[in-house]
Amino acid sequence: MNTVTRAAHTISIVALAILTSVTGSNLWAALNTAPASLTTSHRDFCALVQRKLVDTALPLTNKIHTTKEAFTESKARAKPIETQQFSETDAGGRLLGISCKTKSA
């Protein structure tokens, strides 16, 4: 096989691999529906994040802070498991983001 033929053959294989990968990804995404999105008032958001990070069935407390200062000074605990959560909103009350403090071990 000469260099030109080998290069053309390699390009064909790479193109097929990319096409298969993209098609497979899109098919998988189409067949697997995403879980329901969390609402902006979801009070267990950081607890759910903690359970995703560390697979545990232990009881868990999610402490909600009403001020950023209180959240900043807080610490997540491992025993008993306690996460910290602060929801930041704009002047109109629209959710801008949720901050979490979790423990990994």
PDB file of N, CA and C in Angstrom:
ATOM      1  N   MET A   1       0.861  -1.168   0.000  1.00  0.00           N
ATOM      2  CA  MET A   1       0.000   0.000   0.000  1.00  0.00           C
ATOM      3  C   MET A   1       0.908   1.231   0.000  1.00  0.00           C
ATOM      4  N   ASN A   2       0.697   2.131  -0.959  1.00  0.00           N
ATOM      5  CA  ASN A   2       1.546   3.315  -1.010  1.00  0.00           C
ATOM      6  C   ASN A   2       1.054   4.368  -0.014  1.00  0.00           C
ATOM      7  N   THR A   3       1.823   5.423   0.139  1.00  0.00           N
ATOM      8  CA  THR A   3       1.546   6.457   1.137  1.00  0.00           C
ATOM      9  C   THR A   3       0.219   7.158   0.889  1.00  0.00           C
ATOM     10  N   VAL A   4      -0.098   7.475  -0.359  1.00  0.00           N
ATOM     11  CA  VAL A   4      -1.349   8.168  -0.691  1.00  0.00           C
ATOM     12  C   VAL A   4      -2.549   7.281  -0.376  1.00  0.00           C
ATOM     13  N   THR A   5      -2.484   6.019  -0.747  1.00  0.00           N
ATOM     14  CA  THR A   5      -3.582   5.090  -0.479  1.00  0.00           C
ATOM     15  C   THR A   5      -3.759   4.892   1.023  1.00  0.00           C
ATOM     16  N   ARG A   6      -2.643   4.757   1.733  1.00  0.00           N
ATOM     17  CA  ARG A   6      -2.700   4.574   3.187  1.00  0.00           C
ATOM     18  C   ARG A   6      -3.333   5.797   3.857  1.00  0.00           C
ATOM     19  N   ALA A   7      -2.955   6.999   3.426  1.00  0.00           N
ATOM     20  CA  ALA A   7      -3.509   8.229   3.999  1.00  0.00           C
ATOM     21  C   ALA A   7      -5.012   8.315   3.735  1.00  0.00           C
ATOM     22  N   ALA A   8      -5.431   7.991   2.519  1.00  0.00           N
ATOM     23  CA  ALA A   8      -6.859   8.024   2.173  1.00  0.00           C
ATOM     24  C   ALA A   8      -7.631   7.007   3.002  1.00  0.00           C
ATOM     25  N   HIS A   9      -7.050   5.827   3.183  1.00  0.00           N
ATOM     26  CA  HIS A   9      -7.679   4.772   3.980  1.00  0.00           C
ATOM     27  C   HIS A   9      -7.812   5.212   5.445  1.00  0.00           C
ATOM     28  N   THR A  10      -6.756   5.824   5.980  1.00  0.00           N
ATOM     29  CA  THR A  10      -6.768   6.304   7.369  1.00  0.00           C
ATOM     30  C   THR A  10      -7.817   7.391   7.553  1.00  0.00           C
ATOM     31  N   ILE A  11      -7.902   8.320   6.612  1.00  0.00           N
ATOM     32  CA  ILE A  11      -8.896   9.397   6.686  1.00  0.00           C
ATOM     33  C   ILE A  11     -10.306   8.813   6.675  1.00  0.00           C
ATOM     34  N   SER A  12     -10.553   7.818   5.861  1.00  0.00           N
ATOM     35  CA  SER A  12     -11.874   7.179   5.806  1.00  0.00           C
ATOM     36  C   SER A  12     -12.232   6.542   7.142  1.00  0.00           C
ATOM     37  N   ILE A  13     -11.272   5.873   7.756  1.00  0.00           N
ATOM     38  CA  ILE A  13     -11.527   5.223   9.047  1.00  0.00           C
ATOM     39  C   ILE A  13     -11.809   6.265  10.123  1.00  0.00           C
ATOM     40  N   VAL A  14     -11.013   7.340  10.148  1.00  0.00           N
ATOM     41  CA  VAL A  14     -11.213   8.402  11.142  1.00  0.00           C
ATOM     42  C   VAL A  14     -12.577   9.056  10.940  1.00  0.00           C
ATOM     43  N   ALA A  15     -12.943   9.353   9.700  1.00  0.00           N
ATOM     44  CA  ALA A  15     -14.243   9.972   9.417  1.00  0.00           C
ATOM     45  C   ALA A  15     -15.385   9.067   9.862  1.00  0.00           C
ATOM     46  N   LEU A  16     -15.270   7.777   9.611  1.00  0.00           N
ATOM     47  CA  LEU A  16     -16.300   6.825  10.028  1.00  0.00           C
ATOM     48  C   LEU A  16     -16.392   6.758  11.550  1.00  0.00           C
ATOM     49  N   ALA A  17     -15.253   6.783  12.223  1.00  0.00           N
ATOM     50  CA  ALA A  17     -15.242   6.741  13.689  1.00  0.00           C
ATOM     51  C   ALA A  17     -15.916   7.975  14.274  1.00  0.00           C
ATOM     52  N   ILE A  18     -15.626   9.145  13.712  1.00  0.00           N
ATOM     53  CA  ILE A  18     -16.247  10.385  14.192  1.00  0.00           C
ATOM     54  C   ILE A  18     -17.749  10.354  13.946  1.00  0.00           C
ATOM     55  N   LEU A  19     -18.167   9.958  12.763  1.00  0.00           N
ATOM     56  CA  LEU A  19     -19.590   9.886  12.428  1.00  0.00           C
ATOM     57  C   LEU A  19     -20.318   8.923  13.354  1.00  0.00           C
ATOM     58  N   THR A  20     -19.724   7.771  13.603  1.00  0.00           N
ATOM     59  CA  THR A  20     -20.334   6.780  14.488  1.00  0.00           C
ATOM     60  C   THR A  20     -20.445   7.319  15.900  1.00  0.00           C
ATOM     61  N   SER A  21     -19.396   7.992  16.367  1.00  0.00           N
ATOM     62  CA  SER A  21     -19.385   8.544  17.716  1.00  0.00           C
ATOM     63  C   SER A  21     -20.463   9.609  17.884  1.00  0.00           C
ATOM     64  N   VAL A  22     -20.539  10.541  16.942  1.00  0.00           N
ATOM     65  CA  VAL A  22     -21.533  11.617  17.015  1.00  0.00           C
ATOM     66  C   VAL A  22     -22.940  11.054  16.914  1.00  0.00           C
ATOM     67  N   THR A  23     -23.162  10.147  15.983  1.00  0.00           N
ATOM     68  CA  THR A  23     -24.485   9.543  15.814  1.00  0.00           C
ATOM     69  C   THR A  23     -24.885   8.772  17.059  1.00  0.00           C
ATOM     70  N   GLY A  24     -23.953   8.005  17.601  1.00  0.00           N
ATOM     71  CA  GLY A  24     -24.241   7.237  18.814  1.00  0.00           C
ATOM     72  C   GLY A  24     -24.565   8.127  19.992  1.00  0.00           C
ATOM     73  N   SER A  25     -23.828   9.228  20.141  1.00  0.00           N
ATOM     74  CA  SER A  25     -24.079  10.161  21.240  1.00  0.00           C
ATOM     75  C   SER A  25     -25.457  10.784  21.120  1.00  0.00           C
ATOM     76  N   ASN A  26     -25.799  11.222  19.904  1.00  0.00           N
ATOM     77  CA  ASN A  26     -27.106  11.845  19.702  1.00  0.00           C
ATOM     78  C   ASN A  26     -28.239  10.850  19.915  1.00  0.00           C
ATOM     79  N   LEU A  27     -28.049   9.624  19.473  1.00  0.00           N
ATOM     80  CA  LEU A  27     -29.065   8.598  19.661  1.00  0.00           C
ATOM     81  C   LEU A  27     -29.249   8.305  21.140  1.00  0.00           C
ATOM     82  N   TRP A  28     -28.139   8.182  21.878  1.00  0.00           N
ATOM     83  CA  TRP A  28     -28.208   7.928  23.319  1.00  0.00           C
ATOM     84  C   TRP A  28     -28.946   9.064  24.016  1.00  0.00           C
ATOM     85  N   ALA A  29     -28.613  10.312  23.667  1.00  0.00           N
ATOM     86  CA  ALA A  29     -29.255  11.467  24.289  1.00  0.00           C
ATOM     87  C   ALA A  29     -30.750  11.499  23.976  1.00  0.00           C
ATOM     88  N   ALA A  30     -31.120  11.121  22.772  1.00  0.00           N
ATOM     89  CA  ALA A  30     -32.531  11.136  22.384  1.00  0.00           C
ATOM     90  C   ALA A  30     -33.330  10.064  23.113  1.00  0.00           C
ATOM     91  N   LEU A  31     -32.701   8.923  23.377  1.00  0.00           N
ATOM     92  CA  LEU A  31     -33.412   7.818  24.019  1.00  0.00           C
ATOM     93  C   LEU A  31     -33.447   7.918  25.540  1.00  0.00           C
ATOM     94  N   ASN A  32     -32.534   8.676  26.126  1.00  0.00           N
ATOM     95  CA  ASN A  32     -32.463   8.806  27.579  1.00  0.00           C
ATOM     96  C   ASN A  32     -32.895  10.199  27.985  1.00  0.00           C
ATOM     97  N   THR A  33     -34.081  10.295  28.530  1.00  0.00           N
ATOM     98  CA  THR A  33     -34.591  11.596  28.931  1.00  0.00           C
ATOM     99  C   THR A  33     -33.894  12.051  30.202  1.00  0.00           C
ATOM    100  N   ALA A  34     -33.679  13.334  30.291  1.00  0.00           N
ATOM    101  CA  ALA A  34     -33.029  13.912  31.467  1.00  0.00           C
ATOM    102  C   ALA A  34     -33.998  13.912  32.642  1.00  0.00           C
ATOM    103  N   PRO A  35     -33.470  13.813  33.862  1.00  0.00           N
ATOM    104  CA  PRO A  35     -34.348  13.886  35.020  1.00  0.00           C
ATOM    105  C   PRO A  35     -34.992  15.266  35.100  1.00  0.00           C
ATOM    106  N   ALA A  36     -36.079  15.344  35.815  1.00  0.00           N
ATOM    107  CA  ALA A  36     -36.773  16.620  35.957  1.00  0.00           C
ATOM    108  C   ALA A  36     -35.831  17.649  36.574  1.00  0.00           C
ATOM    109  N   SER A  37     -35.896  18.874  36.094  1.00  0.00           N
ATOM    110  CA  SER A  37     -35.020  19.911  36.624  1.00  0.00           C
ATOM    111  C   SER A  37     -35.485  20.330  38.011  1.00  0.00           C
ATOM    112  N   LEU A  38     -34.543  20.829  38.779  1.00  0.00           N
ATOM    113  CA  LEU A  38     -34.859  21.289  40.125  1.00  0.00           C
ATOM    114  C   LEU A  38     -35.532  22.648  40.039  1.00  0.00           C
ATOM    115  N   THR A  39     -36.432  22.909  40.940  1.00  0.00           N
ATOM    116  CA  THR A  39     -37.082  24.211  40.975  1.00  0.00           C
ATOM    117  C   THR A  39     -36.205  25.179  41.754  1.00  0.00           C
ATOM    118  N   THR A  40     -36.446  26.461  41.571  1.00  0.00           N
ATOM    119  CA  THR A  40     -35.639  27.466  42.263  1.00  0.00           C
ATOM    120  C   THR A  40     -35.882  27.464  43.764  1.00  0.00           C
ATOM    121  N   SER A  41     -36.958  26.847  44.222  1.00  0.00           N
ATOM    122  CA  SER A  41     -37.244  26.797  45.656  1.00  0.00           C
ATOM    123  C   SER A  41     -36.838  25.463  46.269  1.00  0.00           C
ATOM    124  N   HIS A  42     -36.089  24.673  45.522  1.00  0.00           N
ATOM    125  CA  HIS A  42     -35.719  23.339  45.985  1.00  0.00           C
ATOM    126  C   HIS A  42     -34.791  23.436  47.196  1.00  0.00           C
ATOM    127  N   ARG A  43     -35.298  23.081  48.354  1.00  0.00           N
ATOM    128  CA  ARG A  43     -34.544  23.238  49.597  1.00  0.00           C
ATOM    129  C   ARG A  43     -33.566  22.100  49.861  1.00  0.00           C
ATOM    130  N   ASP A  44     -33.613  21.046  49.090  1.00  0.00           N
ATOM    131  CA  ASP A  44     -32.698  19.924  49.293  1.00  0.00           C
ATOM    132  C   ASP A  44     -31.634  19.841  48.202  1.00  0.00           C
ATOM    133  N   PHE A  45     -31.423  20.930  47.474  1.00  0.00           N
ATOM    134  CA  PHE A  45     -30.492  20.908  46.353  1.00  0.00           C
ATOM    135  C   PHE A  45     -29.103  20.427  46.762  1.00  0.00           C
ATOM    136  N   CYS A  46     -28.518  21.030  47.798  1.00  0.00           N
ATOM    137  CA  CYS A  46     -27.154  20.666  48.204  1.00  0.00           C
ATOM    138  C   CYS A  46     -27.099  19.262  48.801  1.00  0.00           C
ATOM    139  N   ALA A  47     -28.178  18.823  49.426  1.00  0.00           N
ATOM    140  CA  ALA A  47     -28.235  17.447  49.926  1.00  0.00           C
ATOM    141  C   ALA A  47     -28.201  16.470  48.754  1.00  0.00           C
ATOM    142  N   LEU A  48     -28.909  16.795  47.684  1.00  0.00           N
ATOM    143  CA  LEU A  48     -28.886  15.948  46.487  1.00  0.00           C
ATOM    144  C   LEU A  48     -27.499  15.943  45.849  1.00  0.00           C
ATOM    145  N   VAL A  49     -26.851  17.097  45.832  1.00  0.00           N
ATOM    146  CA  VAL A  49     -25.486  17.177  45.305  1.00  0.00           C
ATOM    147  C   VAL A  49     -24.565  16.294  46.141  1.00  0.00           C
ATOM    148  N   GLN A  50     -24.684  16.376  47.475  1.00  0.00           N
ATOM    149  CA  GLN A  50     -23.859  15.561  48.370  1.00  0.00           C
ATOM    150  C   GLN A  50     -24.058  14.076  48.089  1.00  0.00           C
ATOM    151  N   ARG A  51     -25.287  13.666  47.921  1.00  0.00           N
ATOM    152  CA  ARG A  51     -25.568  12.246  47.669  1.00  0.00           C
ATOM    153  C   ARG A  51     -25.022  11.797  46.308  1.00  0.00           C
ATOM    154  N   LYS A  52     -24.951  12.716  45.342  1.00  0.00           N
ATOM    155  CA  LYS A  52     -24.358  12.381  44.040  1.00  0.00           C
ATOM    156  C   LYS A  52     -22.839  12.245  44.158  1.00  0.00           C
ATOM    157  N   LEU A  53     -22.221  13.108  44.974  1.00  0.00           N
ATOM    158  CA  LEU A  53     -20.771  13.074  45.132  1.00  0.00           C
ATOM    159  C   LEU A  53     -20.303  11.850  45.901  1.00  0.00           C
ATOM    160  N   VAL A  54     -21.003  11.542  46.981  1.00  0.00           N
ATOM    161  CA  VAL A  54     -20.643  10.405  47.834  1.00  0.00           C
ATOM    162  C   VAL A  54     -21.887   9.548  47.996  1.00  0.00           C
ATOM    163  N   ASP A  55     -21.876   8.383  47.424  1.00  0.00           N
ATOM    164  CA  ASP A  55     -23.034   7.491  47.470  1.00  0.00           C
ATOM    165  C   ASP A  55     -23.247   7.016  48.902  1.00  0.00           C
ATOM    166  N   THR A  56     -24.221   7.620  49.579  1.00  0.00           N
ATOM    167  CA  THR A  56     -24.481   7.264  50.970  1.00  0.00           C
ATOM    168  C   THR A  56     -25.971   7.264  51.257  1.00  0.00           C
ATOM    169  N   ALA A  57     -26.360   6.395  52.175  1.00  0.00           N
ATOM    170  CA  ALA A  57     -27.755   6.343  52.614  1.00  0.00           C
ATOM    171  C   ALA A  57     -27.879   6.893  54.035  1.00  0.00           C
ATOM    172  N   LEU A  58     -26.774   7.408  54.585  1.00  0.00           N
ATOM    173  CA  LEU A  58     -26.793   7.958  55.941  1.00  0.00           C
ATOM    174  C   LEU A  58     -27.695   9.187  56.002  1.00  0.00           C
ATOM    175  N   PRO A  59     -28.268   9.453  57.175  1.00  0.00           N
ATOM    176  CA  PRO A  59     -29.090  10.659  57.325  1.00  0.00           C
ATOM    177  C   PRO A  59     -28.252  11.904  57.023  1.00  0.00           C
ATOM    178  N   LEU A  60     -28.881  12.880  56.413  1.00  0.00           N
ATOM    179  CA  LEU A  60     -28.167  14.074  55.987  1.00  0.00           C
ATOM    180  C   LEU A  60     -29.014  15.301  56.278  1.00  0.00           C
ATOM    181  N   THR A  61     -28.385  16.343  56.810  1.00  0.00           N
ATOM    182  CA  THR A  61     -29.067  17.605  57.072  1.00  0.00           C
ATOM    183  C   THR A  61     -28.547  18.651  56.099  1.00  0.00           C
ATOM    184  N   ASN A  62     -29.443  19.407  55.497  1.00  0.00           N
ATOM    185  CA  ASN A  62     -29.068  20.484  54.585  1.00  0.00           C
ATOM    186  C   ASN A  62     -29.443  21.799  55.248  1.00  0.00           C
ATOM    187  N   LYS A  63     -28.440  22.550  55.717  1.00  0.00           N
ATOM    188  CA  LYS A  63     -28.703  23.811  56.414  1.00  0.00           C
ATOM    189  C   LYS A  63     -28.788  24.946  55.396  1.00  0.00           C
ATOM    190  N   ILE A  64     -29.911  25.655  55.423  1.00  0.00           N
ATOM    191  CA  ILE A  64     -30.153  26.773  54.511  1.00  0.00           C
ATOM    192  C   ILE A  64     -29.745  28.069  55.207  1.00  0.00           C
ATOM    193  N   HIS A  65     -28.899  28.858  54.550  1.00  0.00           N
ATOM    194  CA  HIS A  65     -28.474  30.152  55.098  1.00  0.00           C
ATOM    195  C   HIS A  65     -29.216  31.266  54.374  1.00  0.00           C
ATOM    196  N   THR A  66     -29.638  32.259  55.140  1.00  0.00           N
ATOM    197  CA  THR A  66     -30.383  33.380  54.553  1.00  0.00           C
ATOM    198  C   THR A  66     -29.467  34.535  54.176  1.00  0.00           C
ATOM    199  N   THR A  67     -28.229  34.545  54.690  1.00  0.00           N
ATOM    200  CA  THR A  67     -27.274  35.596  54.325  1.00  0.00           C
ATOM    201  C   THR A  67     -25.991  34.972  53.790  1.00  0.00           C
ATOM    202  N   LYS A  68     -25.345  35.690  52.899  1.00  0.00           N
ATOM    203  CA  LYS A  68     -24.085  35.202  52.329  1.00  0.00           C
ATOM    204  C   LYS A  68     -22.999  35.137  53.403  1.00  0.00           C
ATOM    205  N   GLU A  69     -23.034  36.070  54.344  1.00  0.00           N
ATOM    206  CA  GLU A  69     -22.042  36.089  55.413  1.00  0.00           C
ATOM    207  C   GLU A  69     -22.121  34.821  56.256  1.00  0.00           C
ATOM    208  N   ALA A  70     -23.336  34.433  56.630  1.00  0.00           N
ATOM    209  CA  ALA A  70     -23.517  33.213  57.430  1.00  0.00           C
ATOM    210  C   ALA A  70     -23.046  31.988  56.649  1.00  0.00           C
ATOM    211  N   PHE A  71     -23.346  31.951  55.349  1.00  0.00           N
ATOM    212  CA  PHE A  71     -22.906  30.832  54.518  1.00  0.00           C
ATOM    213  C   PHE A  71     -21.384  30.794  54.435  1.00  0.00           C
ATOM    214  N   THR A  72     -20.764  31.960  54.251  1.00  0.00           N
ATOM    215  CA  THR A  72     -19.311  32.042  54.136  1.00  0.00           C
ATOM    216  C   THR A  72     -18.621  31.520  55.391  1.00  0.00           C
ATOM    217  N   GLU A  73     -19.180  31.817  56.547  1.00  0.00           N
ATOM    218  CA  GLU A  73     -18.584  31.389  57.817  1.00  0.00           C
ATOM    219  C   GLU A  73     -18.887  29.930  58.157  1.00  0.00           C
ATOM    220  N   SER A  74     -19.833  29.326  57.484  1.00  0.00           N
ATOM    221  CA  SER A  74     -20.243  27.952  57.801  1.00  0.00           C
ATOM    222  C   SER A  74     -19.261  26.930  57.244  1.00  0.00           C
ATOM    223  N   LYS A  75     -19.355  25.711  57.785  1.00  0.00           N
ATOM    224  CA  LYS A  75     -18.539  24.591  57.305  1.00  0.00           C
ATOM    225  C   LYS A  75     -19.414  23.354  57.215  1.00  0.00           C
ATOM    226  N   ALA A  76     -19.213  22.601  56.157  1.00  0.00           N
ATOM    227  CA  ALA A  76     -19.911  21.317  56.030  1.00  0.00           C
ATOM    228  C   ALA A  76     -19.310  20.358  57.051  1.00  0.00           C
ATOM    229  N   ARG A  77     -20.138  19.452  57.564  1.00  0.00           N
ATOM    230  CA  ARG A  77     -19.658  18.483  58.554  1.00  0.00           C
ATOM    231  C   ARG A  77     -19.806  17.071  58.010  1.00  0.00           C
ATOM    232  N   ALA A  78     -18.903  16.197  58.492  1.00  0.00           N
ATOM    233  CA  ALA A  78     -18.945  14.797  58.070  1.00  0.00           C
ATOM    234  C   ALA A  78     -19.751  13.940  59.035  1.00  0.00           C
ATOM    235  N   LYS A  79     -19.715  14.242  60.330  1.00  0.00           N
ATOM    236  CA  LYS A  79     -20.425  13.433  61.330  1.00  0.00           C
ATOM    237  C   LYS A  79     -21.130  14.350  62.308  1.00  0.00           C
ATOM    238  N   PRO A  80     -22.416  14.428  62.298  1.00  0.00           N
ATOM    239  CA  PRO A  80     -23.321  13.889  61.279  1.00  0.00           C
ATOM    240  C   PRO A  80     -23.168  14.687  59.981  1.00  0.00           C
ATOM    241  N   ILE A  81     -23.569  14.076  58.895  1.00  0.00           N
ATOM    242  CA  ILE A  81     -23.405  14.742  57.596  1.00  0.00           C
ATOM    243  C   ILE A  81     -24.322  15.961  57.538  1.00  0.00           C
ATOM    244  N   GLU A  82     -23.705  17.117  57.282  1.00  0.00           N
ATOM    245  CA  GLU A  82     -24.470  18.358  57.166  1.00  0.00           C
ATOM    246  C   GLU A  82     -23.893  19.185  56.026  1.00  0.00           C
ATOM    247  N   THR A  83     -24.719  19.504  55.055  1.00  0.00           N
ATOM    248  CA  THR A  83     -24.316  20.374  53.953  1.00  0.00           C
ATOM    249  C   THR A  83     -24.799  21.785  54.250  1.00  0.00           C
ATOM    250  N   GLN A  84     -24.196  22.745  53.581  1.00  0.00           N
ATOM    251  CA  GLN A  84     -24.561  24.154  53.741  1.00  0.00           C
ATOM    252  C   GLN A  84     -25.040  24.668  52.388  1.00  0.00           C
ATOM    253  N   GLN A  85     -26.096  25.475  52.402  1.00  0.00           N
ATOM    254  CA  GLN A  85     -26.673  25.967  51.143  1.00  0.00           C
ATOM    255  C   GLN A  85     -27.031  27.437  51.263  1.00  0.00           C
ATOM    256  N   PHE A  86     -26.732  28.190  50.190  1.00  0.00           N
ATOM    257  CA  PHE A  86     -27.136  29.588  50.091  1.00  0.00           C
ATOM    258  C   PHE A  86     -27.616  29.848  48.673  1.00  0.00           C
ATOM    259  N   SER A  87     -28.808  30.429  48.551  1.00  0.00           N
ATOM    260  CA  SER A  87     -29.374  30.763  47.245  1.00  0.00           C
ATOM    261  C   SER A  87     -29.279  32.267  47.049  1.00  0.00           C
ATOM    262  N   GLU A  88     -28.589  32.669  45.978  1.00  0.00           N
ATOM    263  CA  GLU A  88     -28.426  34.086  45.687  1.00  0.00           C
ATOM    264  C   GLU A  88     -29.467  34.519  44.666  1.00  0.00           C
ATOM    265  N   THR A  89     -30.137  35.628  44.963  1.00  0.00           N
ATOM    266  CA  THR A  89     -31.179  36.142  44.071  1.00  0.00           C
ATOM    267  C   THR A  89     -30.878  37.591  43.701  1.00  0.00           C
ATOM    268  N   ASP A  90     -31.469  38.053  42.597  1.00  0.00           N
ATOM    269  CA  ASP A  90     -31.322  39.455  42.226  1.00  0.00           C
ATOM    270  C   ASP A  90     -32.369  40.279  42.967  1.00  0.00           C
ATOM    271  N   ALA A  91     -32.398  41.580  42.705  1.00  0.00           N
ATOM    272  CA  ALA A  91     -33.324  42.479  43.398  1.00  0.00           C
ATOM    273  C   ALA A  91     -34.782  42.090  43.175  1.00  0.00           C
ATOM    274  N   GLY A  92     -35.078  41.468  42.045  1.00  0.00           N
ATOM    275  CA  GLY A  92     -36.441  41.048  41.742  1.00  0.00           C
ATOM    276  C   GLY A  92     -36.802  39.681  42.303  1.00  0.00           C
ATOM    277  N   GLY A  93     -35.855  39.032  42.991  1.00  0.00           N
ATOM    278  CA  GLY A  93     -36.125  37.720  43.572  1.00  0.00           C
ATOM    279  C   GLY A  93     -35.822  36.546  42.650  1.00  0.00           C
ATOM    280  N   ARG A  94     -35.297  36.835  41.448  1.00  0.00           N
ATOM    281  CA  ARG A  94     -34.957  35.764  40.507  1.00  0.00           C
ATOM    282  C   ARG A  94     -33.668  35.071  40.949  1.00  0.00           C
ATOM    283  N   LEU A  95     -33.677  33.763  40.943  1.00  0.00           N
ATOM    284  CA  LEU A  95     -32.525  32.986  41.375  1.00  0.00           C
ATOM    285  C   LEU A  95     -31.340  33.200  40.440  1.00  0.00           C
ATOM    286  N   LEU A  96     -30.187  33.555  41.022  1.00  0.00           N
ATOM    287  CA  LEU A  96     -28.959  33.721  40.249  1.00  0.00           C
ATOM    288  C   LEU A  96     -28.061  32.496  40.368  1.00  0.00           C
ATOM    289  N   GLY A  97     -28.133  31.836  41.516  1.00  0.00           N
ATOM    290  CA  GLY A  97     -27.299  30.656  41.707  1.00  0.00           C
ATOM    291  C   GLY A  97     -27.475  30.070  43.090  1.00  0.00           C
ATOM    292  N   ILE A  98     -27.057  28.822  43.230  1.00  0.00           N
ATOM    293  CA  ILE A  98     -27.098  28.137  44.516  1.00  0.00           C
ATOM    294  C   ILE A  98     -25.677  27.723  44.844  1.00  0.00           C
ATOM    295  N   SER A  99     -25.217  28.086  46.038  1.00  0.00           N
ATOM    296  CA  SER A  99     -23.889  27.701  46.503  1.00  0.00           C
ATOM    297  C   SER A  99     -24.029  26.593  47.528  1.00  0.00           C
ATOM    298  N   CYS A 100     -23.155  25.588  47.428  1.00  0.00           N
ATOM    299  CA  CYS A 100     -23.186  24.442  48.340  1.00  0.00           C
ATOM    300  C   CYS A 100     -21.821  24.226  48.965  1.00  0.00           C
ATOM    301  N   LYS A 101     -21.832  23.753  50.192  1.00  0.00           N
ATOM    302  CA  LYS A 101     -20.631  23.237  50.842  1.00  0.00           C
ATOM    303  C   LYS A 101     -20.949  21.795  51.198  1.00  0.00           C
ATOM    304  N   THR A 102     -20.088  20.888  50.737  1.00  0.00           N
ATOM    305  CA  THR A 102     -20.301  19.459  50.956  1.00  0.00           C
ATOM    306  C   THR A 102     -19.031  18.836  51.520  1.00  0.00           C
ATOM    307  N   LYS A 103     -19.129  17.590  51.932  1.00  0.00           N
ATOM    308  CA  LYS A 103     -17.975  16.808  52.399  1.00  0.00           C
ATOM    309  C   LYS A 103     -17.773  15.645  51.449  1.00  0.00           C
ATOM    310  N   SER A 104     -16.518  15.370  51.098  1.00  0.00           N
ATOM    311  CA  SER A 104     -16.261  14.277  50.163  1.00  0.00           C
ATOM    312  C   SER A 104     -15.958  12.966  50.865  1.00  0.00           C
ATOM    313  N   ALA A 105     -15.633  13.005  52.116  1.00  0.00           N
ATOM    314  CA  ALA A 105     -15.357  11.751  52.823  1.00  0.00           C
ATOM    315  C   ALA A 105     -15.702  11.876  54.287  1.00  0.00           C
TER     316      ALA A 105
END
